[in-house]
């Protein structure tokens, strides 16, 4: 379940990054009447996208490390001779 929410975070962060970049591009093109508002909105979307992407990647790496740590502990427990006393 956590993996699904992490991938959802990645998708949302990528969407925010693209939307923020698009807004920054539109504000810099000098075609709009509210350049300052679009520039601020683009910067906020871009920053939120980066922060969410970093959080999601850290979460994925942490879960992968914990899974690897759990797997190595299970392998050590099943192969240790003190657990195989008959």
C-alpha atoms as a PDB file:
ATOM      1  CA  UNK A   1       0.000   0.000   0.000  1.00  0.00           C
ATOM      2  CA  UNK A   2       2.832   2.375   0.792  1.00  0.00           C
ATOM      3  CA  UNK A   3       4.360   1.744  -2.624  1.00  0.00           C
ATOM      4  CA  UNK A   4       1.149   2.874  -4.357  1.00  0.00           C
ATOM      5  CA  UNK A   5       1.050   6.118  -2.402  1.00  0.00           C
ATOM      6  CA  UNK A   6       4.740   6.738  -3.113  1.00  0.00           C
ATOM      7  CA  UNK A   7       4.224   6.309  -6.849  1.00  0.00           C
ATOM      8  CA  UNK A   8       1.210   8.626  -6.605  1.00  0.00           C
ATOM      9  CA  UNK A   9       3.481  11.197  -4.913  1.00  0.00           C
ATOM     10  CA  UNK A  10       5.966  10.871  -7.760  1.00  0.00           C
ATOM     11  CA  UNK A  11       3.252  11.375 -10.382  1.00  0.00           C
ATOM     12  CA  UNK A  12       1.865  14.421  -8.556  1.00  0.00           C
ATOM     13  CA  UNK A  13       5.328  15.907  -8.119  1.00  0.00           C
ATOM     14  CA  UNK A  14       6.145  15.487 -11.815  1.00  0.00           C
ATOM     15  CA  UNK A  15       2.843  17.149 -12.715  1.00  0.00           C
ATOM     16  CA  UNK A  16       3.634  20.037 -10.359  1.00  0.00           C
ATOM     17  CA  UNK A  17       7.106  20.386 -11.862  1.00  0.00           C
ATOM     18  CA  UNK A  18       5.771  20.580 -15.405  1.00  0.00           C
ATOM     19  CA  UNK A  19       2.960  22.948 -14.431  1.00  0.00           C
ATOM     20  CA  UNK A  20       5.407  25.164 -12.537  1.00  0.00           C
ATOM     21  CA  UNK A  21       7.811  25.245 -15.468  1.00  0.00           C
ATOM     22  CA  UNK A  22       4.956  26.063 -17.841  1.00  0.00           C
ATOM     23  CA  UNK A  23       3.802  28.902 -15.602  1.00  0.00           C
ATOM     24  CA  UNK A  24       7.342  30.261 -15.337  1.00  0.00           C
ATOM     25  CA  UNK A  25       7.657  30.105 -19.118  1.00  0.00           C
ATOM     26  CA  UNK A  26       4.349  31.917 -19.605  1.00  0.00           C
ATOM     27  CA  UNK A  27       5.307  34.614 -17.122  1.00  0.00           C
ATOM     28  CA  UNK A  28       8.647  35.184 -18.834  1.00  0.00           C
ATOM     29  CA  UNK A  29       7.064  35.439 -22.282  1.00  0.00           C
ATOM     30  CA  UNK A  30       5.579  38.865 -21.364  1.00  0.00           C
ATOM     31  CA  UNK A  31       2.253  37.999 -23.014  1.00  0.00           C
ATOM     32  CA  UNK A  32       0.191  37.879 -19.849  1.00  0.00           C
ATOM     33  CA  UNK A  33      -1.213  40.778 -17.875  1.00  0.00           C
ATOM     34  CA  UNK A  34      -0.492  39.286 -14.446  1.00  0.00           C
ATOM     35  CA  UNK A  35       3.156  38.376 -14.870  1.00  0.00           C
ATOM     36  CA  UNK A  36       4.018  38.679 -11.183  1.00  0.00           C
ATOM     37  CA  UNK A  37       1.166  36.421 -10.045  1.00  0.00           C
ATOM     38  CA  UNK A  38       1.962  33.781 -12.654  1.00  0.00           C
ATOM     39  CA  UNK A  39       5.661  33.970 -11.806  1.00  0.00           C
ATOM     40  CA  UNK A  40       4.988  33.475  -8.100  1.00  0.00           C
ATOM     41  CA  UNK A  41       2.524  30.653  -8.783  1.00  0.00           C
ATOM     42  CA  UNK A  42       4.997  28.943 -11.080  1.00  0.00           C
ATOM     43  CA  UNK A  43       7.776  29.229  -8.527  1.00  0.00           C
ATOM     44  CA  UNK A  44       5.520  27.803  -5.811  1.00  0.00           C
ATOM     45  CA  UNK A  45       4.378  24.872  -7.991  1.00  0.00           C
ATOM     46  CA  UNK A  46       7.942  24.144  -9.069  1.00  0.00           C
ATOM     47  CA  UNK A  47       9.211  24.235  -5.474  1.00  0.00           C
ATOM     48  CA  UNK A  48       6.389  22.009  -4.221  1.00  0.00           C
ATOM     49  CA  UNK A  49       7.071  19.572  -7.049  1.00  0.00           C
ATOM     50  CA  UNK A  50      10.748  19.342  -6.154  1.00  0.00           C
ATOM     51  CA  UNK A  51      10.020  18.918  -2.450  1.00  0.00           C
ATOM     52  CA  UNK A  52       7.426  16.206  -3.084  1.00  0.00           C
ATOM     53  CA  UNK A  53       9.710  14.376  -5.517  1.00  0.00           C
ATOM     54  CA  UNK A  54      12.606  14.400  -3.048  1.00  0.00           C
ATOM     55  CA  UNK A  55      10.328  13.123  -0.284  1.00  0.00           C
ATOM     56  CA  UNK A  56       8.958  10.327  -2.470  1.00  0.00           C
ATOM     57  CA  UNK A  57      12.410   9.210  -3.621  1.00  0.00           C
ATOM     58  CA  UNK A  58      13.702   9.209  -0.039  1.00  0.00           C
ATOM     59  CA  UNK A  59      10.692   7.140   0.993  1.00  0.00           C
ATOM     60  CA  UNK A  60      11.279   4.640  -1.808  1.00  0.00           C
ATOM     61  CA  UNK A  61      14.953   4.299  -0.908  1.00  0.00           C
ATOM     62  CA  UNK A  62      14.155   3.908   2.787  1.00  0.00           C
ATOM     63  CA  UNK A  63      11.585   1.183   2.110  1.00  0.00           C
ATOM     64  CA  UNK A  64      13.974  -0.614  -0.221  1.00  0.00           C
ATOM     65  CA  UNK A  65      16.722  -0.500   2.422  1.00  0.00           C
ATOM     66  CA  UNK A  66      14.347  -1.778   5.117  1.00  0.00           C
ATOM     67  CA  UNK A  67      13.157  -4.583   2.846  1.00  0.00           C
ATOM     68  CA  UNK A  68      16.755  -5.546   2.059  1.00  0.00           C
ATOM     69  CA  UNK A  69      17.615  -5.390   5.776  1.00  0.00           C
ATOM     70  CA  UNK A  70      14.634  -7.605   6.650  1.00  0.00           C
ATOM     71  CA  UNK A  71      15.508 -10.095   3.912  1.00  0.00           C
ATOM     72  CA  UNK A  72      19.118 -10.364   5.071  1.00  0.00           C
ATOM     73  CA  UNK A  73      17.993 -10.913   8.691  1.00  0.00           C
ATOM     74  CA  UNK A  74      15.614 -13.675   7.592  1.00  0.00           C
ATOM     75  CA  UNK A  75      18.363 -15.376   5.591  1.00  0.00           C
ATOM     76  CA  UNK A  76      20.718 -15.242   8.558  1.00  0.00           C
ATOM     77  CA  UNK A  77      18.069 -16.600  10.932  1.00  0.00           C
ATOM     78  CA  UNK A  78      17.219 -19.611   8.781  1.00  0.00           C
ATOM     79  CA  UNK A  79      20.797 -20.579   8.053  1.00  0.00           C
ATOM     80  CA  UNK A  80      22.240 -20.203  11.542  1.00  0.00           C
ATOM     81  CA  UNK A  81      23.145 -23.529  13.221  1.00  0.00           C
ATOM     82  CA  UNK A  82      21.741 -22.596  16.640  1.00  0.00           C
ATOM     83  CA  UNK A  83      18.214 -22.547  15.190  1.00  0.00           C
ATOM     84  CA  UNK A  84      18.612 -26.004  13.666  1.00  0.00           C
ATOM     85  CA  UNK A  85      18.894 -28.049  16.880  1.00  0.00           C
ATOM     86  CA  UNK A  86      16.642 -30.990  16.348  1.00  0.00           C
END
